[in-house]
Amino acid sequence: MPEQHYPRLTHIALHVRDIDACIRFYCGFCGMVETHRREKPPQTIVWLAEPGREREFIFVLMNGGEDLQLSAHDYRHFGFALPSRAAVDELARRARAAGCLIWPPRDEPWPVGYYCGVKDPNGNYVEFSYGQPLGLPED
């Protein structure tokens, strides 16, 4: 039987206004690291990845974009798994102190779990969760 070849998601590209602020956000809140940088003024392109997953999935940040203006009822977001409820609470505490917490920690029925939401410097929403069937396994 012939092998099936399906597309595989490898990256998401974000055209952002303040690339340095977005790099600091995704490295500081999401634990990502810069794995590649290409500069040909006025264009800067940076690849960010989770450590150890550099060849699986990356965020591509490109300068020169515009801030997003999402409505309060727009729940599009990037989702990151955390290892515990306490980790969600700690991240929410840091986000509140930084002025970027948009959804305080809350519990939802399976498969959603415990999560909070944070706004990146460009206006993208980022969810940090524990207990979803995706991401890190439960202890």
Protein backbone atom coordinates (compact mmCIF):
# COMPACT_ATOMS: atom_id res chain seq x y z
CA MET A 1 0.00 0.00 0.00
CA PRO A 2 1.49 3.41 -0.94
CA GLU A 3 2.52 5.70 1.89
CA GLN A 4 0.26 8.71 2.43
CA HIS A 5 1.97 12.10 2.48
CA TYR A 6 0.06 14.84 4.22
CA PRO A 7 1.07 18.45 4.75
CA ARG A 8 2.72 19.10 8.13
CA LEU A 9 2.46 22.45 9.92
CA THR A 10 6.00 23.79 10.38
CA HIS A 11 5.64 27.47 11.18
CA ILE A 12 3.47 30.50 11.71
CA ALA A 13 4.70 33.84 10.38
CA LEU A 14 3.79 37.04 12.21
CA HIS A 15 4.29 40.45 10.64
CA VAL A 16 4.83 42.63 13.73
CA ARG A 17 5.32 46.32 14.46
CA ASP A 18 7.95 46.00 17.23
CA ILE A 19 10.01 42.89 16.53
CA ASP A 20 12.32 43.36 19.53
CA ALA A 21 9.39 43.59 21.98
CA CYS A 22 7.83 40.46 20.43
CA ILE A 23 11.12 38.55 20.68
CA ARG A 24 11.40 39.50 24.37
CA PHE A 25 7.76 38.42 24.95
CA TYR A 26 8.01 35.01 23.27
CA CYS A 27 11.40 34.26 24.84
CA GLY A 28 10.37 35.52 28.30
CA PHE A 29 6.81 34.21 28.57
CA CYS A 30 6.89 31.21 26.22
CA GLY A 31 10.46 29.99 26.76
CA MET A 32 11.26 30.20 23.06
CA VAL A 33 14.77 30.85 21.75
CA GLU A 34 16.01 32.64 18.67
CA THR A 35 17.30 30.06 16.19
CA HIS A 36 17.84 32.15 13.05
CA ARG A 37 18.07 35.82 12.10
CA ARG A 38 18.23 37.35 8.66
CA GLU A 39 18.68 41.09 8.22
CA LYS A 40 18.57 42.90 4.92
CA PRO A 41 17.57 46.46 5.87
CA PRO A 42 14.87 47.46 6.30
CA GLN A 43 13.70 43.81 6.66
CA THR A 44 14.47 41.69 9.73
CA ILE A 45 13.29 38.09 9.97
CA VAL A 46 13.72 36.07 13.16
CA TRP A 47 12.86 32.43 13.81
CA LEU A 48 11.84 31.43 17.35
CA ALA A 49 11.38 27.87 18.60
CA GLU A 50 10.91 25.91 21.78
CA PRO A 51 14.27 24.41 22.83
CA GLY A 52 14.63 20.97 21.29
CA ARG A 53 11.85 21.57 18.76
CA GLU A 54 13.77 23.82 16.36
CA ARG A 55 13.16 21.45 13.44
CA GLU A 56 9.51 20.75 14.28
CA PHE A 57 7.73 24.09 14.62
CA ILE A 58 8.76 27.75 14.67
CA PHE A 59 7.35 31.24 14.89
CA VAL A 60 8.71 33.51 12.17
CA LEU A 61 8.68 37.18 13.18
CA MET A 62 9.02 39.85 10.51
CA ASN A 63 9.28 43.56 11.23
CA GLY A 64 7.21 46.25 9.53
CA GLY A 65 3.75 44.99 10.49
CA GLU A 66 0.85 46.71 12.23
CA ASP A 67 -0.58 46.10 15.69
CA LEU A 68 -3.65 43.86 15.81
CA GLN A 69 -6.84 45.24 17.30
CA LEU A 70 -8.77 42.16 18.43
CA SER A 71 -12.18 42.64 20.00
CA ALA A 72 -12.86 41.46 23.54
CA HIS A 73 -14.90 38.56 22.10
CA ASP A 74 -12.23 37.41 19.63
CA TYR A 75 -10.69 34.25 21.06
CA ARG A 76 -8.17 33.45 18.33
CA HIS A 77 -4.91 32.62 20.06
CA PHE A 78 -1.72 30.60 20.17
CA GLY A 79 -1.78 27.84 22.80
CA PHE A 80 1.11 26.76 25.03
CA ALA A 81 0.94 23.93 27.57
CA LEU A 82 2.34 24.32 31.07
CA PRO A 83 3.28 21.51 33.48
CA SER A 84 0.92 22.47 36.35
CA ARG A 85 -1.89 24.71 37.59
CA ALA A 86 0.72 26.49 39.71
CA ALA A 87 2.70 27.27 36.54
CA VAL A 88 -0.44 28.82 34.99
CA ASP A 89 -0.96 30.90 38.15
CA GLU A 90 2.68 32.05 38.17
CA LEU A 91 2.60 33.00 34.50
CA ALA A 92 -0.66 34.91 35.04
CA ARG A 93 0.96 36.74 37.99
CA ARG A 94 3.89 37.77 35.78
CA ALA A 95 1.55 38.84 32.96
CA ARG A 96 -0.60 40.89 35.38
CA ALA A 97 2.55 42.65 36.65
CA ALA A 98 3.61 43.32 33.03
CA GLY A 99 0.13 44.67 32.17
CA CYS A 100 -0.62 42.07 29.50
CA LEU A 101 -2.99 39.60 31.24
CA ILE A 102 -6.31 39.41 29.35
CA TRP A 103 -7.93 36.24 30.76
CA PRO A 104 -7.26 35.55 34.44
CA PRO A 105 -6.79 31.85 35.32
CA ARG A 106 -10.00 29.87 34.98
CA ASP A 107 -11.19 26.27 34.88
CA GLU A 108 -13.21 24.91 31.97
CA PRO A 109 -14.59 21.38 31.46
CA TRP A 110 -12.47 18.81 29.64
CA PRO A 111 -10.82 19.14 27.15
CA VAL A 112 -10.07 22.81 27.89
CA GLY A 113 -8.60 22.59 31.39
CA TYR A 114 -7.09 25.39 33.46
CA TYR A 115 -5.77 28.38 31.53
CA CYS A 116 -5.03 32.08 31.34
CA GLY A 117 -4.59 34.44 28.41
CA VAL A 118 -1.94 37.02 27.69
CA LYS A 119 -1.60 39.64 24.95
CA ASP A 120 1.72 39.85 23.11
CA PRO A 121 3.18 43.29 22.19
CA ASN A 122 1.60 43.12 18.73
CA GLY A 123 -1.91 42.30 19.99
CA ASN A 124 -1.94 38.52 19.46
CA TYR A 125 -3.57 36.50 22.23
CA VAL A 126 -1.59 33.66 23.80
CA GLU A 127 -3.17 30.98 26.00
CA PHE A 128 -1.21 29.10 28.67
CA SER A 129 -2.98 25.94 29.82
CA TYR A 130 -2.71 22.89 32.01
CA GLY A 131 -4.84 19.78 31.65
CA GLN A 132 -5.65 19.85 27.95
CA PRO A 133 -5.11 16.57 26.11
CA LEU A 134 -2.64 18.39 23.84
CA GLY A 135 0.77 19.42 25.07
CA LEU A 136 2.47 18.16 28.20
CA PRO A 137 1.27 14.94 29.80
CA GLU A 138 -0.41 15.11 33.20
CA ASP A 139 1.52 13.74 36.18
